Protein backbone atom coordinates (compact mmCIF):
# COMPACT_ATOMS: atom_id res chain seq x y z
CA MET A 1 5.51 9.55 -20.27
CA LYS A 2 5.39 11.77 -17.19
CA ARG A 3 8.63 12.78 -15.54
CA ARG A 4 8.90 14.08 -12.00
CA ASP A 5 11.60 15.45 -9.75
CA PHE A 6 12.83 13.13 -7.00
CA VAL A 7 11.04 13.55 -3.64
CA GLY A 8 12.82 12.86 -0.35
CA GLY A 9 11.79 10.44 2.43
CA LEU A 10 8.70 10.89 4.54
CA MET A 11 8.55 11.24 8.32
CA LEU A 12 7.57 8.15 10.32
CA ALA A 13 5.55 7.98 13.54
CA THR A 14 6.51 5.69 16.41
CA ALA A 15 3.20 5.30 18.22
CA MET A 16 -0.52 5.59 17.77
CA ARG A 17 -1.71 9.16 18.19
CA PRO A 18 -5.22 10.33 17.25
CA ALA A 19 -5.24 13.90 15.96
CA VAL A 20 -8.72 15.39 16.12
CA ALA A 21 -9.49 18.56 14.18
CA GLN A 22 -11.72 21.24 15.64
CA GLN A 23 -15.29 20.22 15.10
CA THR A 24 -18.11 22.34 13.76
CA ALA A 25 -21.77 21.76 14.54
CA LYS A 26 -22.76 20.40 11.12
CA ALA A 27 -19.51 18.70 10.18
CA LYS A 28 -19.41 15.04 9.21
CA ARG A 29 -16.81 12.96 11.04
CA LEU A 30 -14.41 10.66 9.22
CA ALA A 31 -12.15 8.32 11.20
CA TYR A 32 -9.00 7.45 9.24
CA VAL A 33 -7.43 4.25 10.61
CA SER A 34 -4.14 2.98 9.20
CA GLN A 35 -1.59 0.30 9.94
CA ALA A 36 0.75 1.59 7.23
CA PHE A 37 0.70 5.41 7.32
CA ASN A 38 1.26 7.40 10.49
CA VAL A 39 -0.78 10.46 11.38
CA ALA A 40 1.50 12.91 9.55
CA ASP A 41 1.54 10.71 6.44
CA GLN A 42 -2.27 10.67 6.30
CA ARG A 43 -2.42 14.41 5.57
CA ALA A 44 -3.18 15.95 2.20
CA ASP A 45 0.33 17.40 1.89
CA ALA A 46 2.11 14.10 2.64
CA ASP A 47 2.19 12.66 -0.88
CA ARG A 48 0.33 12.63 -4.20
CA TYR A 49 -1.93 9.74 -3.16
CA HIS A 50 -3.35 11.47 -0.12
CA ARG A 51 -3.53 14.73 -2.04
CA ALA A 52 -5.73 12.98 -4.61
CA PHE A 53 -7.85 11.54 -1.78
CA TYR A 54 -8.62 14.92 -0.21
CA GLU A 55 -9.00 16.66 -3.57
CA GLU A 56 -11.70 14.16 -4.50
CA LEU A 57 -13.48 14.76 -1.18
CA ASN A 58 -13.35 18.49 -1.96
CA ARG A 59 -14.69 17.88 -5.47
CA ARG A 60 -17.56 15.95 -3.93
CA GLY A 61 -18.36 18.84 -1.57
CA TYR A 62 -16.50 17.95 1.64
CA PHE A 63 -13.89 20.34 3.04
CA GLU A 64 -11.75 19.83 6.11
CA GLY A 65 -12.52 22.38 8.82
CA GLN A 66 -15.83 23.35 7.22
CA ASN A 67 -18.24 20.43 6.85
CA LEU A 68 -15.75 17.59 7.44
CA VAL A 69 -13.67 16.60 10.46
CA THR A 70 -11.04 13.88 9.98
CA GLU A 71 -9.76 12.05 13.05
CA HIS A 72 -6.46 10.27 12.36
CA TYR A 73 -5.32 6.99 13.94
CA PHE A 74 -2.18 4.91 13.39
CA GLU A 75 -1.12 1.59 14.88
CA ALA A 76 1.44 -0.72 13.25
CA ARG A 77 1.40 -3.36 16.02
CA PRO A 78 -1.17 -6.06 15.19
CA GLU A 79 -1.71 -6.93 18.85
CA ARG A 80 -2.88 -3.37 19.57
CA LEU A 81 -5.40 -3.11 16.74
CA ALA A 82 -8.35 -4.54 18.72
CA GLU A 83 -7.91 -1.87 21.38
CA LEU A 84 -7.65 0.80 18.70
CA ALA A 85 -10.82 -0.47 17.01
CA ARG A 86 -12.77 -0.18 20.25
CA ASP A 87 -11.49 3.37 20.75
CA VAL A 88 -12.43 4.41 17.22
CA VAL A 89 -15.90 2.88 17.35
CA GLY A 90 -16.46 4.51 20.72
CA THR A 91 -16.16 7.97 19.14
CA ARG A 92 -19.11 7.14 16.82
CA PRO A 93 -17.81 8.66 13.55
CA ASP A 94 -20.08 8.91 10.50
CA VAL A 95 -17.75 6.68 8.48
CA ILE A 96 -14.45 4.87 9.03
CA PHE A 97 -11.74 4.68 6.38
CA ALA A 98 -9.67 1.58 7.21
CA GLU A 99 -6.39 1.32 5.32
CA GLY A 100 -5.43 -2.35 5.13
CA SER A 101 -7.12 -5.71 5.50
CA LEU A 102 -6.14 -6.44 9.11
CA PRO A 103 -7.45 -3.15 10.58
CA THR A 104 -10.67 -3.72 8.63
CA LEU A 105 -11.08 -7.26 9.94
CA VAL A 106 -10.54 -6.05 13.49
CA LEU A 107 -13.15 -3.31 12.97
CA LYS A 108 -15.68 -5.66 11.39
CA THR A 109 -17.27 -6.86 14.65
CA PRO A 110 -17.36 -3.71 16.83
CA ALA A 111 -18.30 -1.38 13.95
CA THR A 112 -21.42 -3.19 12.77
CA GLU A 113 -23.47 0.03 12.90
CA ILE A 114 -20.81 2.32 11.41
CA PRO A 115 -20.03 2.31 7.66
CA VAL A 116 -16.49 1.21 6.83
CA VAL A 117 -14.65 1.93 3.58
CA THR A 118 -11.50 -0.14 3.17
CA LEU A 119 -8.42 -0.30 0.99
CA ALA A 120 -7.64 -4.02 0.90
CA ALA A 121 -5.99 -6.58 -1.34
CA ASP A 122 -8.52 -9.38 -1.94
CA PRO A 123 -11.67 -8.60 0.12
CA ILE A 124 -13.20 -12.05 -0.40
CA ALA A 125 -10.06 -14.08 0.36
CA GLN A 126 -9.40 -11.97 3.43
CA GLY A 127 -12.87 -12.47 4.86
CA LEU A 128 -14.15 -8.93 4.49
CA THR A 129 -17.10 -9.83 2.27
CA GLN A 130 -18.62 -12.77 0.40
CA SER A 131 -19.44 -10.70 -2.68
CA LEU A 132 -17.76 -7.78 -4.43
CA ALA A 133 -20.98 -6.73 -6.18
CA HIS A 134 -23.10 -6.95 -3.02
CA PRO A 135 -20.92 -6.25 0.03
CA ASP A 136 -21.83 -7.67 3.39
CA ALA A 137 -23.51 -5.32 5.85
CA ASN A 138 -21.43 -2.23 6.60
CA ILE A 139 -18.13 -2.74 4.70
CA THR A 140 -17.24 -1.71 1.15
CA GLY A 141 -14.17 -0.24 -0.48
CA THR A 142 -11.60 -0.55 -3.24
CA SER A 143 -9.20 -3.41 -3.86
CA ALA A 144 -5.58 -2.87 -4.82
CA ASP A 145 -5.22 -6.51 -5.86
CA ALA A 146 -4.04 -6.84 -9.45
CA GLY A 147 -4.40 -10.62 -9.35
CA ILE A 148 -1.88 -13.38 -8.88
CA GLU A 149 -0.88 -13.00 -12.54
CA LEU A 150 0.91 -9.80 -11.51
CA TYR A 151 3.85 -11.78 -10.16
CA GLY A 152 4.61 -13.09 -13.63
CA LYS A 153 4.82 -9.51 -14.85
CA LEU A 154 7.13 -8.52 -11.99
CA ILE A 155 9.49 -11.39 -12.77
CA GLU A 156 9.43 -10.41 -16.47
CA LEU A 157 10.36 -6.82 -15.60
CA LEU A 158 13.27 -7.92 -13.41
CA LYS A 159 14.52 -10.19 -16.19
CA GLU A 160 14.24 -7.38 -18.74
CA LEU A 161 16.24 -5.17 -16.40
CA GLU A 162 18.84 -7.91 -15.76
CA PRO A 163 18.84 -10.30 -18.78
CA LYS A 164 21.24 -12.75 -17.06
CA LEU A 165 18.97 -13.00 -14.03
CA SER A 166 19.09 -16.43 -12.37
CA ASN A 167 18.50 -15.90 -8.62
CA VAL A 168 16.06 -13.48 -6.99
CA PHE A 169 15.48 -12.77 -3.31
CA CYS A 170 11.84 -12.43 -2.24
CA LEU A 171 11.39 -10.33 0.92
CA ALA A 172 8.03 -11.28 2.41
CA SER A 173 6.14 -12.19 5.54
CA GLU A 174 5.76 -15.88 6.28
CA ARG A 175 2.00 -15.45 5.91
CA LEU A 176 2.21 -14.04 2.40
CA TRP A 177 4.89 -16.50 1.25
CA LYS A 178 2.60 -19.40 2.16
CA SER A 179 -0.48 -17.76 0.61
CA GLN A 180 -1.76 -17.94 -2.97
CA TYR A 181 0.36 -14.87 -3.76
CA GLY A 182 3.58 -16.53 -2.61
CA VAL A 183 2.72 -19.67 -4.54
CA ALA A 184 2.03 -17.56 -7.66
CA ALA A 185 5.39 -15.81 -7.31
CA GLN A 186 7.21 -19.15 -7.00
CA GLU A 187 5.41 -20.58 -10.04
CA ALA A 188 6.13 -17.47 -12.12
CA ALA A 189 9.82 -17.67 -11.23
CA LYS A 190 9.92 -21.38 -12.11
CA ARG A 191 8.38 -20.71 -15.53
CA ALA A 192 11.02 -18.05 -16.14
CA GLY A 193 13.83 -20.40 -15.13
CA ILE A 194 14.68 -18.33 -12.07
CA SER A 195 15.39 -19.47 -8.52
CA LEU A 196 13.27 -17.48 -6.04
CA ILE A 197 14.96 -17.38 -2.62
CA PRO A 198 12.62 -16.51 0.29
CA VAL A 199 13.83 -14.05 2.92
CA LEU A 200 11.01 -14.18 5.44
CA LEU A 201 10.01 -11.66 8.10
CA THR A 202 8.27 -12.83 11.26
CA THR A 203 7.99 -9.25 12.54
CA PHE A 204 8.08 -5.85 10.90
CA ASP A 205 10.58 -3.55 12.57
CA GLU A 206 13.92 -2.08 11.59
CA ALA A 207 15.86 -4.75 13.47
CA ALA A 208 14.03 -7.46 11.51
CA TYR A 209 14.90 -5.75 8.23
CA GLU A 210 18.55 -5.45 9.26
CA ARG A 211 18.65 -9.18 10.05
CA ALA A 212 16.92 -10.05 6.79
CA PHE A 213 19.39 -8.10 4.68
CA LYS A 214 22.37 -9.52 6.57
CA SER A 215 21.07 -12.99 5.70
CA MET A 216 20.96 -11.89 2.05
CA ASP A 217 24.63 -10.95 2.28
CA GLN A 218 25.46 -14.60 2.96
CA ASP A 219 23.88 -15.72 -0.31
CA ARG A 220 24.08 -14.39 -3.84
CA ALA A 221 21.18 -13.10 -5.90
CA ASP A 222 20.83 -10.84 -8.90
CA ALA A 223 17.74 -8.88 -7.81
CA LEU A 224 15.08 -8.40 -5.14
CA LEU A 225 11.31 -8.82 -5.28
CA VAL A 226 9.55 -7.11 -2.35
CA SER A 227 6.18 -8.61 -1.42
CA PHE A 228 2.84 -6.85 -1.24
CA ASP A 229 2.84 -6.80 2.58
CA GLY A 230 1.36 -3.45 3.61
CA LEU A 231 3.65 -3.16 6.64
CA HIS A 232 6.62 -2.58 4.32
CA LEU A 233 5.25 0.97 4.11
CA VAL A 234 5.89 1.63 7.79
CA HIS A 235 9.62 1.08 7.34
CA ARG A 236 9.91 2.16 3.72
CA THR A 237 12.78 4.59 4.37
CA ALA A 238 14.91 1.89 6.01
CA LEU A 239 13.96 -0.56 3.27
CA VAL A 240 15.11 1.81 0.53
CA ARG A 241 18.38 2.45 2.40
CA LEU A 242 19.17 -1.24 2.89
CA VAL A 243 18.52 -2.02 -0.78
CA ALA A 244 20.63 0.94 -1.94
CA GLU A 245 23.56 -0.10 0.26
CA ARG A 246 23.64 -3.44 -1.55
CA ARG A 247 23.00 -1.91 -4.98
CA LEU A 248 20.38 -4.56 -5.64
CA PRO A 249 18.02 -4.11 -8.59
CA ALA A 250 14.63 -4.24 -6.86
CA ILE A 251 10.96 -4.03 -7.71
CA PHE A 252 8.68 -2.71 -4.97
CA PRO A 253 5.00 -3.29 -4.15
CA PHE A 254 3.94 0.34 -3.68
CA PRO A 255 4.78 3.38 -5.84
CA ILE A 256 5.38 5.60 -2.80
CA ILE A 257 8.52 3.54 -2.10
CA VAL A 258 9.82 4.43 -5.57
CA ASP A 259 8.91 8.07 -4.92
CA ILE A 260 11.38 8.12 -2.00
CA GLY A 261 14.22 6.27 -3.71
CA GLY A 262 13.20 2.72 -4.63
CA LEU A 263 14.08 1.63 -8.15
CA MET A 264 10.91 0.32 -9.79
CA PHE A 265 7.19 -0.31 -9.29
CA TYR A 266 4.55 -1.99 -11.39
CA GLY A 267 0.96 -2.41 -10.27
CA ALA A 268 -2.33 -0.65 -9.69
CA ASP A 269 -2.53 3.13 -10.08
CA TYR A 270 -2.78 4.23 -6.44
CA VAL A 271 -3.73 7.83 -7.26
CA ASP A 272 -6.80 6.43 -9.01
CA ILE A 273 -7.47 4.07 -6.09
CA TYR A 274 -7.37 6.85 -3.51
CA ARG A 275 -9.72 8.96 -5.61
CA ARG A 276 -12.16 6.04 -5.77
CA LEU A 277 -11.99 5.55 -2.01
CA ALA A 278 -12.77 9.21 -1.42
CA GLY A 279 -15.73 8.95 -3.80
CA GLN A 280 -17.12 5.97 -1.89
CA ILE A 281 -16.72 7.84 1.41
CA ALA A 282 -18.50 10.87 -0.04
CA ASP A 283 -21.38 8.68 -1.22
CA ILE A 284 -21.80 7.27 2.28
CA LEU A 285 -21.62 10.71 3.89
CA LYS A 286 -24.46 11.71 1.56
CA GLY A 287 -26.58 8.80 2.74
CA ALA A 288 -25.65 5.75 0.65
CA LYS A 289 -25.33 2.39 2.40
CA PRO A 290 -22.14 0.34 2.05
CA ALA A 291 -24.18 -2.71 1.00
CA ASP A 292 -25.35 -0.73 -2.04
CA ILE A 293 -21.82 0.31 -3.07
CA PRO A 294 -19.92 -2.52 -4.83
CA PHE A 295 -16.27 -3.16 -4.06
CA GLN A 296 -14.21 -1.66 -6.85
CA GLN A 297 -11.19 -3.29 -8.45
CA PRO A 298 -8.21 -1.60 -10.11
CA THR A 299 -8.55 -0.81 -13.80
CA LYS A 300 -5.47 1.39 -14.26
CA PHE A 301 -1.90 0.11 -13.93
CA GLU A 302 1.43 1.90 -14.08
CA LEU A 303 5.14 1.30 -14.38
CA VAL A 304 7.22 3.77 -12.36
CA ILE A 305 11.01 3.90 -12.62
CA ASN A 306 13.32 6.02 -10.49
CA LEU A 307 16.09 6.84 -12.95
CA LYS A 308 18.01 8.84 -10.34
CA THR A 309 18.23 5.73 -8.16
CA ALA A 310 19.27 3.59 -11.14
CA LYS A 311 22.15 5.94 -11.92
CA ALA A 312 23.24 6.09 -8.26
CA GLN A 313 23.29 2.28 -8.04
CA GLY A 314 25.00 1.82 -11.40
CA ILE A 315 21.97 0.08 -12.92
CA ASP A 316 21.53 0.49 -16.66
CA VAL A 317 17.78 0.65 -17.38
CA PRO A 318 17.03 -0.37 -20.99
CA ALA A 319 15.69 2.44 -23.16
CA THR A 320 12.70 0.27 -24.07
CA MET A 321 11.66 0.13 -20.41
CA LEU A 322 11.99 3.89 -19.99
CA LEU A 323 9.84 4.46 -23.06
CA ARG A 324 7.13 2.16 -21.69
CA ALA A 325 7.20 3.67 -18.19
CA ASP A 326 4.21 5.76 -17.15
CA GLU A 327 6.47 7.82 -14.89
CA VAL A 328 10.22 8.33 -14.77
CA ILE A 329 11.65 10.08 -11.70
CA GLU A 330 14.81 11.99 -12.54
């Protein structure tokens, strides 16, 4: 079991801002497009996931400022993504790394001649490809989708943490709640004899989170399940604060939220995922075609518990859970 010191919150950006490194004559150009991580958070020193990403690029022979130039783009507003996609494609990079399903979908039409590597949930269900083994045209990548069965595991973990659990809030977008993932979460809760109470977001901004948590104050629940909506990452610091103020036992969809103070995460190993993404990008930079690079699916999973947060919120984490955890943040 690995144990790490607690890491503080990360800086957030408020608007799209491309940051273009100085280019050398023979350098390959990588466009990094994200709806979840701002320009500063895309850097190698931002967190362990991006550090693994750039380390793998280095291992594969690509070094920033030498033979690689990374151009960073961030836009959290869905209505602005089409404009961003046109801007990115207009710069004619050698490959685009699109973080998230929606940015990838928006890039799919204008970037038909530019290879795209994506981090997405379910590439087939989200219309990115018709085959994982033989990707369509210019898009490949790595999925972070652990399957709808994951929700059963998340409910089990919450019930192990709180044995008398009977009511759980589910913070999610309306889109996800109505999707196969939302249905799976509701069915898993029903099997466990738990009432799953939806708290739905129509927009992702701090005001929407404040309203959502105020609505939770009017009801009573024993714990919180946060959905796998990627836009939670944009406001992760506010999300952690609002949960901590209510001392709610919560399980989060991304380990980086636990790194900055969330209580618990279970799911795909994102360090492994970011390494895989970098490997796929390196293959394309060396001449491989996306259609010849199968979509990869997660094979490593981890349970991360922030014990410092548990102590601060007065939550008693069972010793059996701590022993099973892959990482405990103290």
